[in-house]
PDB file of N, CA and C in Angstrom:
ATOM      1  N   MET A   1     -16.849   9.025  56.914  1.00  0.00           N
ATOM      2  CA  MET A   1     -15.834   9.716  56.141  1.00  0.00           C
ATOM      3  C   MET A   1     -15.474   8.943  54.875  1.00  0.00           C
ATOM      4  N   PHE A   2     -15.390   7.626  55.037  1.00  0.00           N
ATOM      5  CA  PHE A   2     -15.043   6.789  53.886  1.00  0.00           C
ATOM      6  C   PHE A   2     -16.060   6.968  52.755  1.00  0.00           C
ATOM      7  N   TRP A   3     -17.354   6.869  53.078  1.00  0.00           N
ATOM      8  CA  TRP A   3     -18.388   6.979  52.060  1.00  0.00           C
ATOM      9  C   TRP A   3     -18.456   8.378  51.464  1.00  0.00           C
ATOM     10  N   LEU A   4     -18.139   9.355  52.252  1.00  0.00           N
ATOM     11  CA  LEU A   4     -18.098  10.721  51.745  1.00  0.00           C
ATOM     12  C   LEU A   4     -16.994  10.839  50.692  1.00  0.00           C
ATOM     13  N   GLY A   5     -15.831  10.251  50.948  1.00  0.00           N
ATOM     14  CA  GLY A   5     -14.709  10.260  49.989  1.00  0.00           C
ATOM     15  C   GLY A   5     -15.053   9.511  48.711  1.00  0.00           C
ATOM     16  N   VAL A   6     -15.719   8.357  48.866  1.00  0.00           N
ATOM     17  CA  VAL A   6     -16.126   7.579  47.696  1.00  0.00           C
ATOM     18  C   VAL A   6     -17.125   8.378  46.866  1.00  0.00           C
ATOM     19  N   GLY A   7     -18.050   9.039  47.502  1.00  0.00           N
ATOM     20  CA  GLY A   7     -19.044   9.843  46.802  1.00  0.00           C
ATOM     21  C   GLY A   7     -18.409  10.997  46.050  1.00  0.00           C
ATOM     22  N   ILE A   8     -17.463  11.669  46.687  1.00  0.00           N
ATOM     23  CA  ILE A   8     -16.777  12.792  46.030  1.00  0.00           C
ATOM     24  C   ILE A   8     -15.981  12.287  44.821  1.00  0.00           C
ATOM     25  N   ALA A   9     -15.265  11.164  44.972  1.00  0.00           N
ATOM     26  CA  ALA A   9     -14.477  10.603  43.869  1.00  0.00           C
ATOM     27  C   ALA A   9     -15.389  10.201  42.709  1.00  0.00           C
ATOM     28  N   ALA A  10     -16.523   9.573  43.019  1.00  0.00           N
ATOM     29  CA  ALA A  10     -17.465   9.174  41.968  1.00  0.00           C
ATOM     30  C   ALA A  10     -18.055  10.402  41.282  1.00  0.00           C
ATOM     31  N   GLY A  11     -18.358  11.443  42.036  1.00  0.00           N
ATOM     32  CA  GLY A  11     -18.906  12.678  41.464  1.00  0.00           C
ATOM     33  C   GLY A  11     -17.908  13.340  40.525  1.00  0.00           C
ATOM     34  N   VAL A  12     -16.653  13.399  40.927  1.00  0.00           N
ATOM     35  CA  VAL A  12     -15.610  13.999  40.083  1.00  0.00           C
ATOM     36  C   VAL A  12     -15.448  13.181  38.805  1.00  0.00           C
ATOM     37  N   ALA A  13     -15.416  11.853  38.907  1.00  0.00           N
ATOM     38  CA  ALA A  13     -15.244  10.992  37.732  1.00  0.00           C
ATOM     39  C   ALA A  13     -16.406  11.158  36.764  1.00  0.00           C
ATOM     40  N   LEU A  14     -17.634  11.167  37.287  1.00  0.00           N
ATOM     41  CA  LEU A  14     -18.802  11.337  36.416  1.00  0.00           C
ATOM     42  C   LEU A  14     -18.840  12.719  35.780  1.00  0.00           C
ATOM     43  N   SER A  15     -18.434  13.728  36.531  1.00  0.00           N
ATOM     44  CA  SER A  15     -18.408  15.089  35.999  1.00  0.00           C
ATOM     45  C   SER A  15     -17.409  15.209  34.848  1.00  0.00           C
ATOM     46  N   ARG A  16     -16.228  14.616  34.999  1.00  0.00           N
ATOM     47  CA  ARG A  16     -15.224  14.656  33.931  1.00  0.00           C
ATOM     48  C   ARG A  16     -15.698  13.892  32.703  1.00  0.00           C
ATOM     49  N   LYS A  17     -16.325  12.760  32.925  1.00  0.00           N
ATOM     50  CA  LYS A  17     -16.837  11.958  31.810  1.00  0.00           C
ATOM     51  C   LYS A  17     -17.935  12.724  31.060  1.00  0.00           C
ATOM     52  N   ALA A  18     -18.816  13.362  31.793  1.00  0.00           N
ATOM     53  CA  ALA A  18     -19.905  14.130  31.174  1.00  0.00           C
ATOM     54  C   ALA A  18     -19.357  15.311  30.382  1.00  0.00           C
ATOM     55  N   SER A  19     -18.375  16.015  30.921  1.00  0.00           N
ATOM     56  CA  SER A  19     -17.819  17.166  30.191  1.00  0.00           C
ATOM     57  C   SER A  19     -17.037  16.698  28.965  1.00  0.00           C
ATOM     58  N   SER A  20     -16.382  15.553  29.054  1.00  0.00           N
ATOM     59  CA  SER A  20     -15.663  15.008  27.897  1.00  0.00           C
ATOM     60  C   SER A  20     -16.640  14.630  26.786  1.00  0.00           C
ATOM     61  N   THR A  21     -17.747  14.010  27.150  1.00  0.00           N
ATOM     62  CA  THR A  21     -18.769  13.639  26.174  1.00  0.00           C
ATOM     63  C   THR A  21     -19.394  14.882  25.552  1.00  0.00           C
ATOM     64  N   ALA A  22     -19.638  15.891  26.358  1.00  0.00           N
ATOM     65  CA  ALA A  22     -20.218  17.138  25.840  1.00  0.00           C
ATOM     66  C   ALA A  22     -19.242  17.834  24.896  1.00  0.00           C
ATOM     67  N   ARG A  23     -17.953  17.794  25.207  1.00  0.00           N
ATOM     68  CA  ARG A  23     -16.940  18.417  24.362  1.00  0.00           C
ATOM     69  C   ARG A  23     -16.861  17.702  23.016  1.00  0.00           C
ATOM     70  N   GLN A  24     -17.034  16.376  22.992  1.00  0.00           N
ATOM     71  CA  GLN A  24     -16.986  15.627  21.739  1.00  0.00           C
ATOM     72  C   GLN A  24     -18.194  15.904  20.859  1.00  0.00           C
ATOM     73  N   ALA A  25     -19.286  16.369  21.439  1.00  0.00           N
ATOM     74  CA  ALA A  25     -20.494  16.655  20.678  1.00  0.00           C
ATOM     75  C   ALA A  25     -20.449  18.028  20.013  1.00  0.00           C
ATOM     76  N   THR A  26     -19.463  18.855  20.340  1.00  0.00           N
ATOM     77  CA  THR A  26     -19.342  20.166  19.710  1.00  0.00           C
ATOM     78  C   THR A  26     -18.757  20.007  18.314  1.00  0.00           C
ATOM     79  N   PRO A  27     -18.901  21.000  17.440  1.00  0.00           N
ATOM     80  CA  PRO A  27     -18.337  20.902  16.091  1.00  0.00           C
ATOM     81  C   PRO A  27     -16.815  20.661  16.101  1.00  0.00           C
ATOM     82  N   ALA A  28     -16.108  21.298  17.008  1.00  0.00           N
ATOM     83  CA  ALA A  28     -14.657  21.086  17.086  1.00  0.00           C
ATOM     84  C   ALA A  28     -14.343  19.649  17.496  1.00  0.00           C
ATOM     85  N   GLY A  29     -15.114  19.113  18.424  1.00  0.00           N
ATOM     86  CA  GLY A  29     -14.903  17.734  18.849  1.00  0.00           C
ATOM     87  C   GLY A  29     -15.212  16.747  17.742  1.00  0.00           C
ATOM     88  N   LEU A  30     -16.291  17.015  16.999  1.00  0.00           N
ATOM     89  CA  LEU A  30     -16.640  16.139  15.877  1.00  0.00           C
ATOM     90  C   LEU A  30     -15.568  16.196  14.789  1.00  0.00           C
ATOM     91  N   ALA A  31     -15.053  17.388  14.517  1.00  0.00           N
ATOM     92  CA  ALA A  31     -13.990  17.530  13.517  1.00  0.00           C
ATOM     93  C   ALA A  31     -12.737  16.783  13.957  1.00  0.00           C
ATOM     94  N   SER A  32     -12.427  16.858  15.225  1.00  0.00           N
ATOM     95  CA  SER A  32     -11.270  16.140  15.746  1.00  0.00           C
ATOM     96  C   SER A  32     -11.448  14.633  15.593  1.00  0.00           C
ATOM     97  N   ASN A  33     -12.645  14.143  15.933  1.00  0.00           N
ATOM     98  CA  ASN A  33     -12.917  12.715  15.785  1.00  0.00           C
ATOM     99  C   ASN A  33     -12.854  12.287  14.325  1.00  0.00           C
ATOM    100  N   LEU A  34     -13.396  13.116  13.434  1.00  0.00           N
ATOM    101  CA  LEU A  34     -13.370  12.809  12.017  1.00  0.00           C
ATOM    102  C   LEU A  34     -11.931  12.805  11.494  1.00  0.00           C
ATOM    103  N   GLY A  35     -11.146  13.771  11.930  1.00  0.00           N
ATOM    104  CA  GLY A  35      -9.736  13.828  11.525  1.00  0.00           C
ATOM    105  C   GLY A  35      -8.977  12.590  11.976  1.00  0.00           C
ATOM    106  N   ASP A  36      -9.226  12.164  13.206  1.00  0.00           N
ATOM    107  CA  ASP A  36      -8.570  10.952  13.712  1.00  0.00           C
ATOM    108  C   ASP A  36      -8.985   9.731  12.903  1.00  0.00           C
ATOM    109  N   ALA A  37     -10.264   9.645  12.579  1.00  0.00           N
ATOM    110  CA  ALA A  37     -10.755   8.514  11.800  1.00  0.00           C
ATOM    111  C   ALA A  37     -10.147   8.504  10.396  1.00  0.00           C
ATOM    112  N   MET A  38     -10.010   9.670   9.781  1.00  0.00           N
ATOM    113  CA  MET A  38      -9.429   9.750   8.442  1.00  0.00           C
ATOM    114  C   MET A  38      -7.952   9.362   8.463  1.00  0.00           C
ATOM    115  N   ARG A  39      -7.222   9.797   9.485  1.00  0.00           N
ATOM    116  CA  ARG A  39      -5.815   9.410   9.610  1.00  0.00           C
ATOM    117  C   ARG A  39      -5.683   7.904   9.776  1.00  0.00           C
ATOM    118  N   GLU A  40      -6.554   7.322  10.579  1.00  0.00           N
ATOM    119  CA  GLU A  40      -6.525   5.878  10.785  1.00  0.00           C
ATOM    120  C   GLU A  40      -6.855   5.136   9.487  1.00  0.00           C
ATOM    121  N   LEU A  41      -7.840   5.636   8.752  1.00  0.00           N
ATOM    122  CA  LEU A  41      -8.214   5.019   7.478  1.00  0.00           C
ATOM    123  C   LEU A  41      -7.068   5.124   6.473  1.00  0.00           C
ATOM    124  N   ALA A  42      -6.435   6.275   6.386  1.00  0.00           N
ATOM    125  CA  ALA A  42      -5.316   6.460   5.456  1.00  0.00           C
ATOM    126  C   ALA A  42      -4.157   5.539   5.815  1.00  0.00           C
ATOM    127  N   SER A  43      -3.898   5.404   7.088  1.00  0.00           N
ATOM    128  CA  SER A  43      -2.835   4.509   7.535  1.00  0.00           C
ATOM    129  C   SER A  43      -3.150   3.065   7.173  1.00  0.00           C
ATOM    130  N   ALA A  44      -4.392   2.658   7.383  1.00  0.00           N
ATOM    131  CA  ALA A  44      -4.795   1.286   7.048  1.00  0.00           C
ATOM    132  C   ALA A  44      -4.721   1.049   5.542  1.00  0.00           C
ATOM    133  N   ALA A  45      -5.137   2.029   4.753  1.00  0.00           N
ATOM    134  CA  ALA A  45      -5.082   1.896   3.294  1.00  0.00           C
ATOM    135  C   ALA A  45      -3.635   1.811   2.825  1.00  0.00           C
ATOM    136  N   GLY A  46      -2.759   2.603   3.420  1.00  0.00           N
ATOM    137  CA  GLY A  46      -1.343   2.547   3.059  1.00  0.00           C
ATOM    138  C   GLY A  46      -0.724   1.202   3.400  1.00  0.00           C
ATOM    139  N   ALA A  47      -1.067   0.673   4.563  1.00  0.00           N
ATOM    140  CA  ALA A  47      -0.553  -0.633   4.961  1.00  0.00           C
ATOM    141  C   ALA A  47      -1.076  -1.723   4.032  1.00  0.00           C
ATOM    142  N   PHE A  48      -2.362  -1.629   3.667  1.00  0.00           N
ATOM    143  CA  PHE A  48      -2.942  -2.601   2.753  1.00  0.00           C
ATOM    144  C   PHE A  48      -2.236  -2.546   1.398  1.00  0.00           C
ATOM    145  N   GLY A  49      -2.000  -1.345   0.897  1.00  0.00           N
ATOM    146  CA  GLY A  49      -1.314  -1.182  -0.384  1.00  0.00           C
ATOM    147  C   GLY A  49       0.093  -1.763  -0.350  1.00  0.00           C
ATOM    148  N   ALA A  50       0.789  -1.550   0.748  1.00  0.00           N
ATOM    149  CA  ALA A  50       2.140  -2.100   0.881  1.00  0.00           C
ATOM    150  C   ALA A  50       2.110  -3.625   0.893  1.00  0.00           C
ATOM    151  N   GLU A  51       1.132  -4.197   1.567  1.00  0.00           N
ATOM    152  CA  GLU A  51       1.010  -5.650   1.600  1.00  0.00           C
ATOM    153  C   GLU A  51       0.661  -6.206   0.227  1.00  0.00           C
ATOM    154  N   VAL A  52      -0.197  -5.504  -0.508  1.00  0.00           N
ATOM    155  CA  VAL A  52      -0.553  -5.946  -1.857  1.00  0.00           C
ATOM    156  C   VAL A  52       0.667  -5.893  -2.764  1.00  0.00           C
ATOM    157  N   ARG A  53       1.433  -4.802  -2.698  1.00  0.00           N
ATOM    158  CA  ARG A  53       2.636  -4.690  -3.529  1.00  0.00           C
ATOM    159  C   ARG A  53       3.643  -5.773  -3.192  1.00  0.00           C
ATOM    160  N   ALA A  54       3.815  -6.059  -1.903  1.00  0.00           N
ATOM    161  CA  ALA A  54       4.746  -7.116  -1.501  1.00  0.00           C
ATOM    162  C   ALA A  54       4.277  -8.472  -2.024  1.00  0.00           C
ATOM    163  N   GLY A  55       2.984  -8.725  -1.948  1.00  0.00           N
ATOM    164  CA  GLY A  55       2.445  -9.978  -2.469  1.00  0.00           C
ATOM    165  C   GLY A  55       2.598 -10.080  -3.974  1.00  0.00           C
ATOM    166  N   MET A  56       2.385  -8.969  -4.677  1.00  0.00           N
ATOM    167  CA  MET A  56       2.538  -8.971  -6.130  1.00  0.00           C
ATOM    168  C   MET A  56       3.989  -9.251  -6.515  1.00  0.00           C
ATOM    169  N   THR A  57       4.915  -8.636  -5.814  1.00  0.00           N
ATOM    170  CA  THR A  57       6.331  -8.844  -6.095  1.00  0.00           C
ATOM    171  C   THR A  57       6.717 -10.296  -5.847  1.00  0.00           C
ATOM    172  N   GLU A  58       6.224 -10.843  -4.752  1.00  0.00           N
ATOM    173  CA  GLU A  58       6.523 -12.234  -4.426  1.00  0.00           C
ATOM    174  C   GLU A  58       5.942 -13.171  -5.491  1.00  0.00           C
ATOM    175  N   ARG A  59       4.699 -12.930  -5.893  1.00  0.00           N
ATOM    176  CA  ARG A  59       4.065 -13.781  -6.906  1.00  0.00           C
ATOM    177  C   ARG A  59       4.768 -13.640  -8.247  1.00  0.00           C
ATOM    178  N   GLU A  60       5.163 -12.416  -8.592  1.00  0.00           N
ATOM    179  CA  GLU A  60       5.875 -12.201  -9.847  1.00  0.00           C
ATOM    180  C   GLU A  60       7.181 -12.990  -9.854  1.00  0.00           C
ATOM    181  N   GLN A  61       7.891 -12.981  -8.740  1.00  0.00           N
ATOM    182  CA  GLN A  61       9.138 -13.736  -8.645  1.00  0.00           C
ATOM    183  C   GLN A  61       8.869 -15.233  -8.801  1.00  0.00           C
ATOM    184  N   GLU A  62       7.807 -15.732  -8.173  1.00  0.00           N
ATOM    185  CA  GLU A  62       7.452 -17.147  -8.315  1.00  0.00           C
ATOM    186  C   GLU A  62       7.163 -17.494  -9.771  1.00  0.00           C
ATOM    187  N   LEU A  63       6.428 -16.615 -10.460  1.00  0.00           N
ATOM    188  CA  LEU A  63       6.108 -16.871 -11.867  1.00  0.00           C
ATOM    189  C   LEU A  63       7.359 -16.850 -12.735  1.00  0.00           C
ATOM    190  N   HIS A  64       8.248 -15.887 -12.502  1.00  0.00           N
ATOM    191  CA  HIS A  64       9.498 -15.834 -13.258  1.00  0.00           C
ATOM    192  C   HIS A  64      10.318 -17.096 -13.020  1.00  0.00           C
ATOM    193  N   ASP A  65      10.396 -17.532 -11.779  1.00  0.00           N
ATOM    194  CA  ASP A  65      11.150 -18.742 -11.461  1.00  0.00           C
ATOM    195  C   ASP A  65      10.549 -19.966 -12.142  1.00  0.00           C
ATOM    196  N   THR A  66       9.218 -20.051 -12.156  1.00  0.00           N
ATOM    197  CA  THR A  66       8.546 -21.187 -12.789  1.00  0.00           C
ATOM    198  C   THR A  66       8.799 -21.209 -14.292  1.00  0.00           C
ATOM    199  N   VAL A  67       8.672 -20.067 -14.941  1.00  0.00           N
ATOM    200  CA  VAL A  67       8.911 -19.994 -16.389  1.00  0.00           C
ATOM    201  C   VAL A  67      10.361 -20.334 -16.696  1.00  0.00           C
ATOM    202  N   THR A  68      11.277 -19.791 -15.925  1.00  0.00           N
ATOM    203  CA  THR A  68      12.694 -20.068 -16.142  1.00  0.00           C
ATOM    204  C   THR A  68      12.988 -21.547 -15.944  1.00  0.00           C
ATOM    205  N   GLN A  69      12.397 -22.135 -14.935  1.00  0.00           N
ATOM    206  CA  GLN A  69      12.631 -23.548 -14.645  1.00  0.00           C
ATOM    207  C   GLN A  69      12.059 -24.433 -15.752  1.00  0.00           C
ATOM    208  N   ARG A  70      10.875 -24.130 -16.239  1.00  0.00           N
ATOM    209  CA  ARG A  70      10.225 -24.985 -17.240  1.00  0.00           C
ATOM    210  C   ARG A  70      10.777 -24.798 -18.650  1.00  0.00           C
ATOM    211  N   THR A  71      11.172 -23.566 -18.988  1.00  0.00           N
ATOM    212  CA  THR A  71      11.629 -23.306 -20.356  1.00  0.00           C
ATOM    213  C   THR A  71      13.139 -23.194 -20.464  1.00  0.00           C
ATOM    214  N   GLY A  72      13.803 -22.869 -19.389  1.00  0.00           N
ATOM    215  CA  GLY A  72      15.244 -22.672 -19.431  1.00  0.00           C
ATOM    216  C   GLY A  72      15.631 -21.290 -19.919  1.00  0.00           C
ATOM    217  N   VAL A  73      14.649 -20.438 -20.190  1.00  0.00           N
ATOM    218  CA  VAL A  73      14.902 -19.084 -20.677  1.00  0.00           C
ATOM    219  C   VAL A  73      14.681 -18.113 -19.524  1.00  0.00           C
ATOM    220  N   PRO A  74      15.711 -17.341 -19.181  1.00  0.00           N
ATOM    221  CA  PRO A  74      15.500 -16.362 -18.098  1.00  0.00           C
ATOM    222  C   PRO A  74      14.536 -15.280 -18.541  1.00  0.00           C
ATOM    223  N   THR A  75      13.651 -14.870 -17.654  1.00  0.00           N
ATOM    224  CA  THR A  75      12.626 -13.886 -17.998  1.00  0.00           C
ATOM    225  C   THR A  75      12.856 -12.542 -17.358  1.00  0.00           C
ATOM    226  N   ARG A  76      13.915 -12.372 -16.651  1.00  0.00           N
ATOM    227  CA  ARG A  76      14.187 -11.100 -15.974  1.00  0.00           C
ATOM    228  C   ARG A  76      15.554 -10.601 -16.396  1.00  0.00           C
ATOM    229  N   HIS A  77      15.780  -9.310 -16.231  1.00  0.00           N
ATOM    230  CA  HIS A  77      17.119  -8.804 -16.507  1.00  0.00           C
ATOM    231  C   HIS A  77      18.022  -9.228 -15.352  1.00  0.00           C
ATOM    232  N   VAL A  78      19.256  -9.517 -15.692  1.00  0.00           N
ATOM    233  CA  VAL A  78      20.198 -10.077 -14.731  1.00  0.00           C
ATOM    234  C   VAL A  78      21.314  -9.069 -14.518  1.00  0.00           C
ATOM    235  N   GLU A  79      21.737  -8.922 -13.299  1.00  0.00           N
ATOM    236  CA  GLU A  79      22.840  -8.026 -12.964  1.00  0.00           C
ATOM    237  C   GLU A  79      24.138  -8.659 -13.451  1.00  0.00           C
ATOM    238  N   THR A  80      24.922  -7.916 -14.243  1.00  0.00           N
ATOM    239  CA  THR A  80      26.189  -8.444 -14.727  1.00  0.00           C
ATOM    240  C   THR A  80      27.285  -8.142 -13.719  1.00  0.00           C
ATOM    241  N   SER A  81      28.469  -8.670 -13.982  1.00  0.00           N
ATOM    242  CA  SER A  81      29.581  -8.465 -13.048  1.00  0.00           C
ATOM    243  C   SER A  81      30.012  -7.002 -13.002  1.00  0.00           C
ATOM    244  N   ARG A  82      29.742  -6.224 -14.051  1.00  0.00           N
ATOM    245  CA  ARG A  82      30.107  -4.808 -14.076  1.00  0.00           C
ATOM    246  C   ARG A  82      29.044  -3.915 -13.447  1.00  0.00           C
ATOM    247  N   GLY A  83      27.946  -4.500 -12.977  1.00  0.00           N
ATOM    248  CA  GLY A  83      26.906  -3.711 -12.348  1.00  0.00           C
ATOM    249  C   GLY A  83      25.864  -3.203 -13.319  1.00  0.00           C
ATOM    250  N   ARG A  84      25.979  -3.590 -14.592  1.00  0.00           N
ATOM    251  CA  ARG A  84      24.997  -3.168 -15.587  1.00  0.00           C
ATOM    252  C   ARG A  84      23.953  -4.266 -15.738  1.00  0.00           C
ATOM    253  N   HIS A  85      22.801  -3.864 -16.222  1.00  0.00           N
ATOM    254  CA  HIS A  85      21.734  -4.835 -16.445  1.00  0.00           C
ATOM    255  C   HIS A  85      21.837  -5.375 -17.864  1.00  0.00           C
ATOM    256  N   ALA A  86      21.844  -6.696 -17.989  1.00  0.00           N
ATOM    257  CA  ALA A  86      21.801  -7.344 -19.293  1.00  0.00           C
ATOM    258  C   ALA A  86      20.431  -7.996 -19.402  1.00  0.00           C
ATOM    259  N   TYR A  87      19.664  -7.591 -20.386  1.00  0.00           N
ATOM    260  CA  TYR A  87      18.318  -8.128 -20.512  1.00  0.00           C
ATOM    261  C   TYR A  87      18.363  -9.539 -21.086  1.00  0.00           C
ATOM    262  N   SER A  88      17.455 -10.337 -20.619  1.00  0.00           N
ATOM    263  CA  SER A  88      17.411 -11.726 -21.075  1.00  0.00           C
ATOM    264  C   SER A  88      16.936 -11.794 -22.520  1.00  0.00           C
ATOM    265  N   ALA A  89      17.085 -12.973 -23.105  1.00  0.00           N
ATOM    266  CA  ALA A  89      16.652 -13.181 -24.486  1.00  0.00           C
ATOM    267  C   ALA A  89      15.155 -12.953 -24.614  1.00  0.00           C
ATOM    268  N   TYR A  90      14.406 -13.355 -23.611  1.00  0.00           N
ATOM    269  CA  TYR A  90      12.949 -13.189 -23.634  1.00  0.00           C
ATOM    270  C   TYR A  90      12.584 -11.721 -23.746  1.00  0.00           C
ATOM    271  N   SER A  91      13.198 -10.868 -22.921  1.00  0.00           N
ATOM    272  CA  SER A  91      12.895  -9.439 -22.943  1.00  0.00           C
ATOM    273  C   SER A  91      13.338  -8.808 -24.256  1.00  0.00           C
ATOM    274  N   ALA A  92      14.495  -9.235 -24.772  1.00  0.00           N
ATOM    275  CA  ALA A  92      14.987  -8.683 -26.029  1.00  0.00           C
ATOM    276  C   ALA A  92      14.066  -9.073 -27.177  1.00  0.00           C
ATOM    277  N   ASP A  93      13.578 -10.318 -27.179  1.00  0.00           N
ATOM    278  CA  ASP A  93      12.658 -10.753 -28.227  1.00  0.00           C
ATOM    279  C   ASP A  93      11.373  -9.950 -28.191  1.00  0.00           C
ATOM    280  N   ARG A  94      10.846  -9.703 -27.012  1.00  0.00           N
ATOM    281  CA  ARG A  94       9.612  -8.926 -26.893  1.00  0.00           C
ATOM    282  C   ARG A  94       9.824  -7.506 -27.389  1.00  0.00           C
ATOM    283  N   ALA A  95      10.963  -6.905 -27.074  1.00  0.00           N
ATOM    284  CA  ALA A  95      11.250  -5.544 -27.528  1.00  0.00           C
ATOM    285  C   ALA A  95      11.361  -5.506 -29.048  1.00  0.00           C
ATOM    286  N   ALA A  96      12.001  -6.517 -29.641  1.00  0.00           N
ATOM    287  CA  ALA A  96      12.142  -6.571 -31.100  1.00  0.00           C
ATOM    288  C   ALA A  96      10.778  -6.746 -31.761  1.00  0.00           C
ATOM    289  N   ASP A  97       9.927  -7.594 -31.191  1.00  0.00           N
ATOM    290  CA  ASP A  97       8.573  -7.787 -31.738  1.00  0.00           C
ATOM    291  C   ASP A  97       7.778  -6.489 -31.678  1.00  0.00           C
ATOM    292  N   ARG A  98       7.882  -5.778 -30.578  1.00  0.00           N
ATOM    293  CA  ARG A  98       7.158  -4.520 -30.412  1.00  0.00           C
ATOM    294  C   ARG A  98       7.634  -3.505 -31.455  1.00  0.00           C
ATOM    295  N   ALA A  99       8.954  -3.425 -31.664  1.00  0.00           N
ATOM    296  CA  ALA A  99       9.495  -2.480 -32.643  1.00  0.00           C
ATOM    297  C   ALA A  99       9.037  -2.847 -34.058  1.00  0.00           C
ATOM    298  N   ALA A 100       8.996  -4.143 -34.375  1.00  0.00           N
ATOM    299  CA  ALA A 100       8.558  -4.577 -35.703  1.00  0.00           C
ATOM    300  C   ALA A 100       7.095  -4.236 -35.924  1.00  0.00           C
ATOM    301  N   ARG A 101       6.261  -4.390 -34.913  1.00  0.00           N
ATOM    302  CA  ARG A 101       4.841  -4.052 -35.048  1.00  0.00           C
ATOM    303  C   ARG A 101       4.664  -2.565 -35.295  1.00  0.00           C
ATOM    304  N   GLN A 102       5.477  -1.747 -34.674  1.00  0.00           N
ATOM    305  CA  GLN A 102       5.358  -0.304 -34.861  1.00  0.00           C
ATOM    306  C   GLN A 102       5.743   0.103 -36.267  1.00  0.00           C
ATOM    307  N   VAL A 103       6.736  -0.569 -36.834  1.00  0.00           N
ATOM    308  CA  VAL A 103       7.172  -0.253 -38.183  1.00  0.00           C
ATOM    309  C   VAL A 103       6.110  -0.656 -39.191  1.00  0.00           C
ATOM    310  N   ARG A 104       5.469  -1.834 -38.981  1.00  0.00           N
ATOM    311  CA  ARG A 104       4.473  -2.347 -39.913  1.00  0.00           C
ATOM    312  C   ARG A 104       3.118  -1.656 -39.782  1.00  0.00           C
ATOM    313  N   ALA A 105       2.870  -0.999 -38.676  1.00  0.00           N
ATOM    314  CA  ALA A 105       1.551  -0.393 -38.446  1.00  0.00           C
ATOM    315  C   ALA A 105       1.335   0.768 -39.412  1.00  0.00           C
ATOM    316  N   PRO A 106       0.163   0.834 -40.037  1.00  0.00           N
ATOM    317  CA  PRO A 106      -0.112   1.942 -40.956  1.00  0.00           C
ATOM    318  C   PRO A 106      -0.197   3.262 -40.184  1.00  0.00           C
ATOM    319  N   ARG A 107       0.263   4.296 -40.790  1.00  0.00           N
ATOM    320  CA  ARG A 107       0.250   5.599 -40.145  1.00  0.00           C
ATOM    321  C   ARG A 107      -1.062   6.298 -40.418  1.00  0.00           C
ATOM    322  N   ALA A 108      -1.589   6.954 -39.401  1.00  0.00           N
ATOM    323  CA  ALA A 108      -2.891   7.609 -39.523  1.00  0.00           C
ATOM    324  C   ALA A 108      -2.774   9.077 -39.915  1.00  0.00           C
ATOM    325  N   ASP A 109      -1.552   9.602 -39.976  1.00  0.00           N
ATOM    326  CA  ASP A 109      -1.392  11.038 -40.241  1.00  0.00           C
ATOM    327  C   ASP A 109      -1.323  11.366 -41.743  1.00  0.00           C
ATOM    328  N   GLY A 110      -1.404  10.383 -42.581  1.00  0.00           N
ATOM    329  CA  GLY A 110      -1.144  10.578 -43.899  1.00  0.00           C
ATOM    330  C   GLY A 110      -1.852  10.793 -45.051  1.00  0.00           C
TER     331      GLY A 110
END
């Protein structure tokens, strides 16, 4: 009786495994597998992008801190006590230089 039960259990397990494998080989099963793989890939790409952005932000902060420490000139806009952003001298100088270049640039429409 024991071996008969073991044989029946093994037969049922193999039958389910075979039907599952056959179902995955159908077009619907392949589409399902492909869909799962694409979702996994998109999730991994999103996680990678988030890690890259976090690393870029961290490195940017390190660079700003290094420049500020070595030159004494703040390179980022600073939150004021009123909650408004006051741009540093560095940012203001760059904006003024950019505006001056635009004024001096010859116009092509003329």
